[in-house]
């Protein structure tokens, strides 16, 4: 995947530590989302950083798109994350005491 990104969307990745660090942090958050989903009332407060993560990624992609630094098709991923962020917000308010 590392080399494929460089071929399909140049330039090539020049800092593999950043790439693999991002992948590992992204994977850790996906596990956290699964933990939250198993018991949303217990992990309600974890929904706050989850919303920040989801909206932060969507906003980052929007800014990069407006600067013409990414392809329009990349916005799909940001849109999915924003949608999930909205769902986290709904869950946060619906699980309040």
PDB file of N, CA and C in Angstrom:
ATOM      1  N   UNK A   1       0.826  -1.189   0.000  1.00  0.00           N
ATOM      2  CA  UNK A   1       0.000   0.000   0.000  1.00  0.00           C
ATOM      3  C   UNK A   1       0.873   1.256   0.000  1.00  0.00           C
ATOM      4  N   UNK A   2       1.958   1.181   0.755  1.00  0.00           N
ATOM      5  CA  UNK A   2       2.881   2.309   0.867  1.00  0.00           C
ATOM      6  C   UNK A   2       3.381   2.736  -0.512  1.00  0.00           C
ATOM      7  N   UNK A   3       3.885   1.792  -1.309  1.00  0.00           N
ATOM      8  CA  UNK A   3       4.409   2.108  -2.641  1.00  0.00           C
ATOM      9  C   UNK A   3       3.294   2.448  -3.621  1.00  0.00           C
ATOM     10  N   UNK A   4       2.137   1.805  -3.470  1.00  0.00           N
ATOM     11  CA  UNK A   4       1.016   2.044  -4.367  1.00  0.00           C
ATOM     12  C   UNK A   4       0.542   3.496  -4.285  1.00  0.00           C
ATOM     13  N   UNK A   5       0.514   4.045  -3.103  1.00  0.00           N
ATOM     14  CA  UNK A   5       0.107   5.445  -2.925  1.00  0.00           C
ATOM     15  C   UNK A   5       1.049   6.366  -3.700  1.00  0.00           C
ATOM     16  N   UNK A   6       2.340   6.114  -3.634  1.00  0.00           N
ATOM     17  CA  UNK A   6       3.308   6.937  -4.355  1.00  0.00           C
ATOM     18  C   UNK A   6       3.148   6.867  -5.858  1.00  0.00           C
ATOM     19  N   UNK A   7       2.743   5.696  -6.368  1.00  0.00           N
ATOM     20  CA  UNK A   7       2.547   5.552  -7.813  1.00  0.00           C
ATOM     21  C   UNK A   7       1.234   6.180  -8.271  1.00  0.00           C
ATOM     22  N   UNK A   8       0.162   5.990  -7.505  1.00  0.00           N
ATOM     23  CA  UNK A   8      -1.152   6.473  -7.932  1.00  0.00           C
ATOM     24  C   UNK A   8      -1.404   7.943  -7.602  1.00  0.00           C
ATOM     25  N   UNK A   9      -0.733   8.438  -6.585  1.00  0.00           N
ATOM     26  CA  UNK A   9      -0.967   9.823  -6.158  1.00  0.00           C
ATOM     27  C   UNK A   9       0.376  10.452  -5.782  1.00  0.00           C
ATOM     28  N   UNK A  10       1.229  10.728  -6.804  1.00  0.00           N
ATOM     29  CA  UNK A  10       2.567  11.253  -6.514  1.00  0.00           C
ATOM     30  C   UNK A  10       2.498  12.576  -5.773  1.00  0.00           C
ATOM     31  N   UNK A  11       3.537  12.976  -5.096  1.00  0.00           N
ATOM     32  CA  UNK A  11       4.839  12.317  -5.010  1.00  0.00           C
ATOM     33  C   UNK A  11       4.816  11.140  -4.047  1.00  0.00           C
ATOM     34  N   UNK A  12       5.867  10.366  -4.120  1.00  0.00           N
ATOM     35  CA  UNK A  12       5.986   9.207  -3.241  1.00  0.00           C
ATOM     36  C   UNK A  12       6.096   9.665  -1.785  1.00  0.00           C
ATOM     37  N   UNK A  13       5.708   8.804  -0.888  1.00  0.00           N
ATOM     38  CA  UNK A  13       5.815   9.104   0.549  1.00  0.00           C
ATOM     39  C   UNK A  13       7.293   9.138   0.923  1.00  0.00           C
ATOM     40  N   UNK A  14       7.726  10.228   1.512  1.00  0.00           N
ATOM     41  CA  UNK A  14       9.148  10.377   1.850  1.00  0.00           C
ATOM     42  C   UNK A  14       9.422  10.196   3.341  1.00  0.00           C
ATOM     43  N   UNK A  15       8.380  10.116   4.145  1.00  0.00           N
ATOM     44  CA  UNK A  15       8.542   9.941   5.584  1.00  0.00           C
ATOM     45  C   UNK A  15       7.721   8.731   6.035  1.00  0.00           C
ATOM     46  N   UNK A  16       8.261   7.528   5.874  1.00  0.00           N
ATOM     47  CA  UNK A  16       7.482   6.336   6.195  1.00  0.00           C
ATOM     48  C   UNK A  16       7.040   6.287   7.660  1.00  0.00           C
ATOM     49  N   UNK A  17       7.777   6.920   8.540  1.00  0.00           N
ATOM     50  CA  UNK A  17       7.379   6.943   9.957  1.00  0.00           C
ATOM     51  C   UNK A  17       6.050   7.646  10.152  1.00  0.00           C
ATOM     52  N   UNK A  18       5.851   8.742   9.421  1.00  0.00           N
ATOM     53  CA  UNK A  18       4.577   9.457   9.503  1.00  0.00           C
ATOM     54  C   UNK A  18       3.447   8.607   8.931  1.00  0.00           C
ATOM     55  N   UNK A  19       3.709   7.945   7.806  1.00  0.00           N
ATOM     56  CA  UNK A  19       2.689   7.112   7.171  1.00  0.00           C
ATOM     57  C   UNK A  19       2.264   5.979   8.106  1.00  0.00           C
ATOM     58  N   UNK A  20       3.229   5.213   8.587  1.00  0.00           N
ATOM     59  CA  UNK A  20       2.889   4.076   9.442  1.00  0.00           C
ATOM     60  C   UNK A  20       2.361   4.534  10.794  1.00  0.00           C
ATOM     61  N   UNK A  21       2.821   5.681  11.269  1.00  0.00           N
ATOM     62  CA  UNK A  21       2.263   6.237  12.506  1.00  0.00           C
ATOM     63  C   UNK A  21       0.800   6.593  12.329  1.00  0.00           C
ATOM     64  N   UNK A  22       0.461   7.208  11.195  1.00  0.00           N
ATOM     65  CA  UNK A  22      -0.933   7.543  10.912  1.00  0.00           C
ATOM     66  C   UNK A  22      -1.782   6.281  10.819  1.00  0.00           C
ATOM     67  N   UNK A  23      -1.271   5.269  10.133  1.00  0.00           N
ATOM     68  CA  UNK A  23      -2.016   4.015   9.992  1.00  0.00           C
ATOM     69  C   UNK A  23      -2.280   3.387  11.361  1.00  0.00           C
ATOM     70  N   UNK A  24      -1.270   3.363  12.229  1.00  0.00           N
ATOM     71  CA  UNK A  24      -1.461   2.732  13.538  1.00  0.00           C
ATOM     72  C   UNK A  24      -2.418   3.535  14.423  1.00  0.00           C
ATOM     73  N   UNK A  25      -2.342   4.850  14.369  1.00  0.00           N
ATOM     74  CA  UNK A  25      -3.276   5.672  15.146  1.00  0.00           C
ATOM     75  C   UNK A  25      -4.693   5.512  14.600  1.00  0.00           C
ATOM     76  N   UNK A  26      -4.829   5.501  13.288  1.00  0.00           N
ATOM     77  CA  UNK A  26      -6.147   5.292  12.667  1.00  0.00           C
ATOM     78  C   UNK A  26      -6.742   3.955  13.052  1.00  0.00           C
ATOM     79  N   UNK A  27      -5.923   2.911  13.051  1.00  0.00           N
ATOM     80  CA  UNK A  27      -6.402   1.586  13.439  1.00  0.00           C
ATOM     81  C   UNK A  27      -6.802   1.555  14.908  1.00  0.00           C
ATOM     82  N   UNK A  28      -6.020   2.201  15.758  1.00  0.00           N
ATOM     83  CA  UNK A  28      -6.353   2.249  17.194  1.00  0.00           C
ATOM     84  C   UNK A  28      -7.701   2.930  17.411  1.00  0.00           C
ATOM     85  N   UNK A  29      -7.977   4.004  16.671  1.00  0.00           N
ATOM     86  CA  UNK A  29      -9.266   4.691  16.806  1.00  0.00           C
ATOM     87  C   UNK A  29     -10.411   3.806  16.339  1.00  0.00           C
ATOM     88  N   UNK A  30     -10.188   3.005  15.304  1.00  0.00           N
ATOM     89  CA  UNK A  30     -11.257   2.107  14.848  1.00  0.00           C
ATOM     90  C   UNK A  30     -11.606   1.102  15.941  1.00  0.00           C
ATOM     91  N   UNK A  31     -10.595   0.617  16.648  1.00  0.00           N
ATOM     92  CA  UNK A  31     -10.835  -0.294  17.775  1.00  0.00           C
ATOM     93  C   UNK A  31     -11.587   0.443  18.880  1.00  0.00           C
ATOM     94  N   UNK A  32     -11.205   1.691  19.146  1.00  0.00           N
ATOM     95  CA  UNK A  32     -11.914   2.479  20.162  1.00  0.00           C
ATOM     96  C   UNK A  32     -13.381   2.666  19.787  1.00  0.00           C
ATOM     97  N   UNK A  33     -13.664   2.880  18.507  1.00  0.00           N
ATOM     98  CA  UNK A  33     -15.057   3.031  18.078  1.00  0.00           C
ATOM     99  C   UNK A  33     -15.847   1.751  18.323  1.00  0.00           C
ATOM    100  N   UNK A  34     -15.228   0.606  18.103  1.00  0.00           N
ATOM    101  CA  UNK A  34     -15.901  -0.673  18.373  1.00  0.00           C
ATOM    102  C   UNK A  34     -16.168  -0.854  19.868  1.00  0.00           C
ATOM    103  N   UNK A  35     -15.217  -0.451  20.694  1.00  0.00           N
ATOM    104  CA  UNK A  35     -15.407  -0.528  22.151  1.00  0.00           C
ATOM    105  C   UNK A  35     -16.567   0.363  22.576  1.00  0.00           C
ATOM    106  N   UNK A  36     -16.615   1.584  22.060  1.00  0.00           N
ATOM    107  CA  UNK A  36     -17.713   2.507  22.375  1.00  0.00           C
ATOM    108  C   UNK A  36     -19.046   1.911  21.945  1.00  0.00           C
ATOM    109  N   UNK A  37     -19.074   1.304  20.774  1.00  0.00           N
ATOM    110  CA  UNK A  37     -20.325   0.735  20.247  1.00  0.00           C
ATOM    111  C   UNK A  37     -20.852  -0.405  21.111  1.00  0.00           C
ATOM    112  N   UNK A  38     -19.973  -1.108  21.798  1.00  0.00           N
ATOM    113  CA  UNK A  38     -20.412  -2.225  22.637  1.00  0.00           C
ATOM    114  C   UNK A  38     -21.129  -1.755  23.897  1.00  0.00           C
ATOM    115  N   UNK A  39     -20.759  -0.580  24.397  1.00  0.00           N
ATOM    116  CA  UNK A  39     -21.394  -0.049  25.608  1.00  0.00           C
ATOM    117  C   UNK A  39     -21.390   1.479  25.557  1.00  0.00           C
ATOM    118  N   UNK A  40     -22.277   2.072  24.743  1.00  0.00           N
ATOM    119  CA  UNK A  40     -22.234   3.525  24.537  1.00  0.00           C
ATOM    120  C   UNK A  40     -22.514   4.340  25.794  1.00  0.00           C
ATOM    121  N   UNK A  41     -23.309   3.829  26.699  1.00  0.00           N
ATOM    122  CA  UNK A  41     -23.586   4.590  27.922  1.00  0.00           C
ATOM    123  C   UNK A  41     -22.326   4.664  28.784  1.00  0.00           C
ATOM    124  N   UNK A  42     -21.647   3.550  28.924  1.00  0.00           N
ATOM    125  CA  UNK A  42     -20.432   3.512  29.748  1.00  0.00           C
ATOM    126  C   UNK A  42     -19.322   4.382  29.148  1.00  0.00           C
ATOM    127  N   UNK A  43     -19.182   4.352  27.824  1.00  0.00           N
ATOM    128  CA  UNK A  43     -18.097   5.073  27.157  1.00  0.00           C
ATOM    129  C   UNK A  43     -18.577   6.370  26.514  1.00  0.00           C
ATOM    130  N   UNK A  44     -19.623   6.932  27.041  1.00  0.00           N
ATOM    131  CA  UNK A  44     -20.227   8.145  26.482  1.00  0.00           C
ATOM    132  C   UNK A  44     -19.224   9.279  26.322  1.00  0.00           C
ATOM    133  N   UNK A  45     -18.397   9.520  27.315  1.00  0.00           N
ATOM    134  CA  UNK A  45     -17.437  10.625  27.241  1.00  0.00           C
ATOM    135  C   UNK A  45     -16.382  10.411  26.158  1.00  0.00           C
ATOM    136  N   UNK A  46     -16.131   9.176  25.777  1.00  0.00           N
ATOM    137  CA  UNK A  46     -15.187   8.907  24.686  1.00  0.00           C
ATOM    138  C   UNK A  46     -15.751   9.338  23.333  1.00  0.00           C
ATOM    139  N   UNK A  47     -17.054   9.616  23.308  1.00  0.00           N
ATOM    140  CA  UNK A  47     -17.650  10.088  22.059  1.00  0.00           C
ATOM    141  C   UNK A  47     -17.186  11.512  21.729  1.00  0.00           C
ATOM    142  N   UNK A  48     -16.800  12.284  22.723  1.00  0.00           N
ATOM    143  CA  UNK A  48     -16.342  13.654  22.480  1.00  0.00           C
ATOM    144  C   UNK A  48     -15.060  13.656  21.640  1.00  0.00           C
ATOM    145  N   UNK A  49     -13.985  12.928  22.055  1.00  0.00           N
ATOM    146  CA  UNK A  49     -12.812  12.901  21.176  1.00  0.00           C
ATOM    147  C   UNK A  49     -13.088  12.182  19.849  1.00  0.00           C
ATOM    148  N   UNK A  50     -14.048  11.280  19.849  1.00  0.00           N
ATOM    149  CA  UNK A  50     -14.419  10.598  18.601  1.00  0.00           C
ATOM    150  C   UNK A  50     -15.000  11.581  17.600  1.00  0.00           C
ATOM    151  N   UNK A  51     -15.853  12.474  18.075  1.00  0.00           N
ATOM    152  CA  UNK A  51     -16.430  13.503  17.202  1.00  0.00           C
ATOM    153  C   UNK A  51     -15.318  14.415  16.680  1.00  0.00           C
ATOM    154  N   UNK A  52     -14.392  14.788  17.549  1.00  0.00           N
ATOM    155  CA  UNK A  52     -13.276  15.640  17.123  1.00  0.00           C
ATOM    156  C   UNK A  52     -12.441  14.955  16.049  1.00  0.00           C
ATOM    157  N   UNK A  53     -12.211  13.649  16.215  1.00  0.00           N
ATOM    158  CA  UNK A  53     -11.443  12.893  15.232  1.00  0.00           C
ATOM    159  C   UNK A  53     -12.168  12.872  13.895  1.00  0.00           C
ATOM    160  N   UNK A  54     -13.458  12.595  13.920  1.00  0.00           N
ATOM    161  CA  UNK A  54     -14.240  12.492  12.681  1.00  0.00           C
ATOM    162  C   UNK A  54     -14.351  13.851  11.980  1.00  0.00           C
ATOM    163  N   UNK A  55     -14.693  14.890  12.704  1.00  0.00           N
ATOM    164  CA  UNK A  55     -14.824  16.214  12.090  1.00  0.00           C
ATOM    165  C   UNK A  55     -13.465  16.774  11.667  1.00  0.00           C
ATOM    166  N   UNK A  56     -12.428  16.470  12.437  1.00  0.00           N
ATOM    167  CA  UNK A  56     -11.086  16.944  12.104  1.00  0.00           C
ATOM    168  C   UNK A  56     -10.602  16.402  10.772  1.00  0.00           C
ATOM    169  N   UNK A  57     -10.853  15.128  10.533  1.00  0.00           N
ATOM    170  CA  UNK A  57     -10.432  14.536   9.263  1.00  0.00           C
ATOM    171  C   UNK A  57     -11.240  15.123   8.107  1.00  0.00           C
ATOM    172  N   UNK A  58     -12.542  15.234   8.299  1.00  0.00           N
ATOM    173  CA  UNK A  58     -13.385  15.819   7.252  1.00  0.00           C
ATOM    174  C   UNK A  58     -12.986  17.244   6.932  1.00  0.00           C
ATOM    175  N   UNK A  59     -12.713  18.035   7.956  1.00  0.00           N
ATOM    176  CA  UNK A  59     -12.302  19.432   7.751  1.00  0.00           C
ATOM    177  C   UNK A  59     -10.942  19.506   7.064  1.00  0.00           C
ATOM    178  N   UNK A  60     -10.038  18.624   7.446  1.00  0.00           N
ATOM    179  CA  UNK A  60      -8.709  18.612   6.811  1.00  0.00           C
ATOM    180  C   UNK A  60      -8.820  18.328   5.326  1.00  0.00           C
ATOM    181  N   UNK A  61      -9.641  17.343   4.965  1.00  0.00           N
ATOM    182  CA  UNK A  61      -9.801  17.030   3.544  1.00  0.00           C
ATOM    183  C   UNK A  61     -10.462  18.181   2.792  1.00  0.00           C
ATOM    184  N   UNK A  62     -11.406  18.848   3.418  1.00  0.00           N
ATOM    185  CA  UNK A  62     -12.065  19.976   2.766  1.00  0.00           C
ATOM    186  C   UNK A  62     -11.059  21.095   2.483  1.00  0.00           C
ATOM    187  N   UNK A  63     -10.225  21.410   3.452  1.00  0.00           N
ATOM    188  CA  UNK A  63      -9.209  22.451   3.260  1.00  0.00           C
ATOM    189  C   UNK A  63      -8.240  22.046   2.150  1.00  0.00           C
ATOM    190  N   UNK A  64      -7.795  20.786   2.167  1.00  0.00           N
ATOM    191  CA  UNK A  64      -6.878  20.326   1.120  1.00  0.00           C
ATOM    192  C   UNK A  64      -7.534  20.379  -0.256  1.00  0.00           C
ATOM    193  N   UNK A  65      -8.816  20.063  -0.322  1.00  0.00           N
ATOM    194  CA  UNK A  65      -9.536  20.151  -1.596  1.00  0.00           C
ATOM    195  C   UNK A  65      -9.624  21.603  -2.075  1.00  0.00           C
ATOM    196  N   UNK A  66      -9.957  22.506  -1.172  1.00  0.00           N
ATOM    197  CA  UNK A  66     -10.070  23.923  -1.538  1.00  0.00           C
ATOM    198  C   UNK A  66      -8.723  24.496  -1.995  1.00  0.00           C
ATOM    199  N   UNK A  67      -7.644  23.924  -1.497  1.00  0.00           N
ATOM    200  CA  UNK A  67      -6.302  24.325  -1.928  1.00  0.00           C
ATOM    201  C   UNK A  67      -5.862  23.562  -3.184  1.00  0.00           C
ATOM    202  N   UNK A  68      -6.742  22.724  -3.703  1.00  0.00           N
ATOM    203  CA  UNK A  68      -6.477  21.898  -4.889  1.00  0.00           C
ATOM    204  C   UNK A  68      -5.293  20.968  -4.685  1.00  0.00           C
ATOM    205  N   UNK A  69      -5.200  20.407  -3.480  1.00  0.00           N
ATOM    206  CA  UNK A  69      -4.093  19.498  -3.168  1.00  0.00           C
ATOM    207  C   UNK A  69      -4.529  18.046  -3.138  1.00  0.00           C
ATOM    208  N   UNK A  70      -5.838  17.776  -3.244  1.00  0.00           N
ATOM    209  CA  UNK A  70      -6.334  16.407  -3.332  1.00  0.00           C
ATOM    210  C   UNK A  70      -7.387  16.328  -4.433  1.00  0.00           C
ATOM    211  N   UNK A  71      -7.676  15.123  -4.852  1.00  0.00           N
ATOM    212  CA  UNK A  71      -8.684  14.897  -5.885  1.00  0.00           C
ATOM    213  C   UNK A  71     -10.080  15.012  -5.283  1.00  0.00           C
ATOM    214  N   UNK A  72     -11.051  15.455  -6.052  1.00  0.00           N
ATOM    215  CA  UNK A  72     -12.432  15.548  -5.547  1.00  0.00           C
ATOM    216  C   UNK A  72     -12.959  14.210  -5.018  1.00  0.00           C
ATOM    217  N   UNK A  73     -12.523  13.108  -5.612  1.00  0.00           N
ATOM    218  CA  UNK A  73     -12.992  11.796  -5.151  1.00  0.00           C
ATOM    219  C   UNK A  73     -12.547  11.482  -3.721  1.00  0.00           C
ATOM    220  N   UNK A  74     -11.470  12.128  -3.262  1.00  0.00           N
ATOM    221  CA  UNK A  74     -10.998  11.912  -1.889  1.00  0.00           C
ATOM    222  C   UNK A  74     -11.973  12.478  -0.860  1.00  0.00           C
ATOM    223  N   UNK A  75     -12.847  13.385  -1.288  1.00  0.00           N
ATOM    224  CA  UNK A  75     -13.813  13.981  -0.358  1.00  0.00           C
ATOM    225  C   UNK A  75     -14.838  12.963   0.139  1.00  0.00           C
ATOM    226  N   UNK A  76     -14.993  11.866  -0.582  1.00  0.00           N
ATOM    227  CA  UNK A  76     -15.930  10.821  -0.143  1.00  0.00           C
ATOM    228  C   UNK A  76     -15.551  10.327   1.244  1.00  0.00           C
ATOM    229  N   UNK A  77     -14.265  10.110   1.458  1.00  0.00           N
ATOM    230  CA  UNK A  77     -13.810   9.618   2.758  1.00  0.00           C
ATOM    231  C   UNK A  77     -14.097  10.629   3.864  1.00  0.00           C
ATOM    232  N   UNK A  78     -13.878  11.892   3.570  1.00  0.00           N
ATOM    233  CA  UNK A  78     -14.189  12.940   4.546  1.00  0.00           C
ATOM    234  C   UNK A  78     -15.673  13.015   4.821  1.00  0.00           C
ATOM    235  N   UNK A  79     -16.488  12.843   3.781  1.00  0.00           N
ATOM    236  CA  UNK A  79     -17.938  12.860   3.959  1.00  0.00           C
ATOM    237  C   UNK A  79     -18.425  11.728   4.845  1.00  0.00           C
ATOM    238  N   UNK A  80     -17.839  10.562   4.656  1.00  0.00           N
ATOM    239  CA  UNK A  80     -18.204   9.419   5.509  1.00  0.00           C
ATOM    240  C   UNK A  80     -17.832   9.712   6.957  1.00  0.00           C
ATOM    241  N   UNK A  81     -16.644  10.267   7.177  1.00  0.00           N
ATOM    242  CA  UNK A  81     -16.235  10.577   8.540  1.00  0.00           C
ATOM    243  C   UNK A  81     -17.126  11.644   9.170  1.00  0.00           C
ATOM    244  N   UNK A  82     -17.504  12.670   8.410  1.00  0.00           N
ATOM    245  CA  UNK A  82     -18.396  13.700   8.949  1.00  0.00           C
ATOM    246  C   UNK A  82     -19.749  13.077   9.310  1.00  0.00           C
ATOM    247  N   UNK A  83     -20.260  12.209   8.460  1.00  0.00           N
ATOM    248  CA  UNK A  83     -21.517  11.515   8.768  1.00  0.00           C
ATOM    249  C   UNK A  83     -21.389  10.710  10.067  1.00  0.00           C
ATOM    250  N   UNK A  84     -20.305   9.980  10.219  1.00  0.00           N
ATOM    251  CA  UNK A  84     -20.095   9.221  11.449  1.00  0.00           C
ATOM    252  C   UNK A  84     -19.952  10.145  12.657  1.00  0.00           C
ATOM    253  N   UNK A  85     -19.335  11.311  12.452  1.00  0.00           N
ATOM    254  CA  UNK A  85     -19.237  12.288  13.535  1.00  0.00           C
ATOM    255  C   UNK A  85     -20.601  12.788  13.965  1.00  0.00           C
ATOM    256  N   UNK A  86     -21.479  13.038  12.995  1.00  0.00           N
ATOM    257  CA  UNK A  86     -22.851  13.458  13.307  1.00  0.00           C
ATOM    258  C   UNK A  86     -23.565  12.345  14.083  1.00  0.00           C
ATOM    259  N   UNK A  87     -23.360  11.111  13.673  1.00  0.00           N
ATOM    260  CA  UNK A  87     -23.987   9.990  14.389  1.00  0.00           C
ATOM    261  C   UNK A  87     -23.443   9.856  15.807  1.00  0.00           C
ATOM    262  N   UNK A  88     -22.153  10.115  15.991  1.00  0.00           N
ATOM    263  CA  UNK A  88     -21.590  10.120  17.348  1.00  0.00           C
ATOM    264  C   UNK A  88     -22.235  11.223  18.194  1.00  0.00           C
ATOM    265  N   UNK A  89     -22.443  12.400  17.588  1.00  0.00           N
ATOM    266  CA  UNK A  89     -23.109  13.485  18.318  1.00  0.00           C
ATOM    267  C   UNK A  89     -24.523  13.081  18.728  1.00  0.00           C
ATOM    268  N   UNK A  90     -25.261  12.480  17.792  1.00  0.00           N
ATOM    269  CA  UNK A  90     -26.617  12.019  18.124  1.00  0.00           C
ATOM    270  C   UNK A  90     -26.588  10.998  19.250  1.00  0.00           C
ATOM    271  N   UNK A  91     -25.671  10.062  19.162  1.00  0.00           N
ATOM    272  CA  UNK A  91     -25.542   9.043  20.215  1.00  0.00           C
ATOM    273  C   UNK A  91     -25.172   9.669  21.555  1.00  0.00           C
ATOM    274  N   UNK A  92     -24.290  10.674  21.502  1.00  0.00           N
ATOM    275  CA  UNK A  92     -23.873  11.346  22.729  1.00  0.00           C
ATOM    276  C   UNK A  92     -25.073  11.969  23.443  1.00  0.00           C
ATOM    277  N   UNK A  93     -25.905  12.672  22.684  1.00  0.00           N
ATOM    278  CA  UNK A  93     -27.060  13.338  23.299  1.00  0.00           C
ATOM    279  C   UNK A  93     -28.164  12.368  23.669  1.00  0.00           C
ATOM    280  N   UNK A  94     -28.300  11.294  22.933  1.00  0.00           N
ATOM    281  CA  UNK A  94     -29.350  10.312  23.230  1.00  0.00           C
ATOM    282  C   UNK A  94     -29.001   9.445  24.443  1.00  0.00           C
ATOM    283  N   UNK A  95     -27.732   9.344  24.788  1.00  0.00           N
ATOM    284  CA  UNK A  95     -27.323   8.528  25.937  1.00  0.00           C
ATOM    285  C   UNK A  95     -27.156   9.350  27.201  1.00  0.00           C
ATOM    286  N   UNK A  96     -27.520  10.638  27.153  1.00  0.00           N
ATOM    287  CA  UNK A  96     -27.373  11.475  28.355  1.00  0.00           C
ATOM    288  C   UNK A  96     -28.381  11.048  29.414  1.00  0.00           C
ATOM    289  N   UNK A  97     -28.026  11.344  30.636  1.00  0.00           N
ATOM    290  CA  UNK A  97     -28.897  10.962  31.775  1.00  0.00           C
ATOM    291  C   UNK A  97     -30.089  11.859  31.903  1.00  0.00           C
TER     292      UNK A  97
END
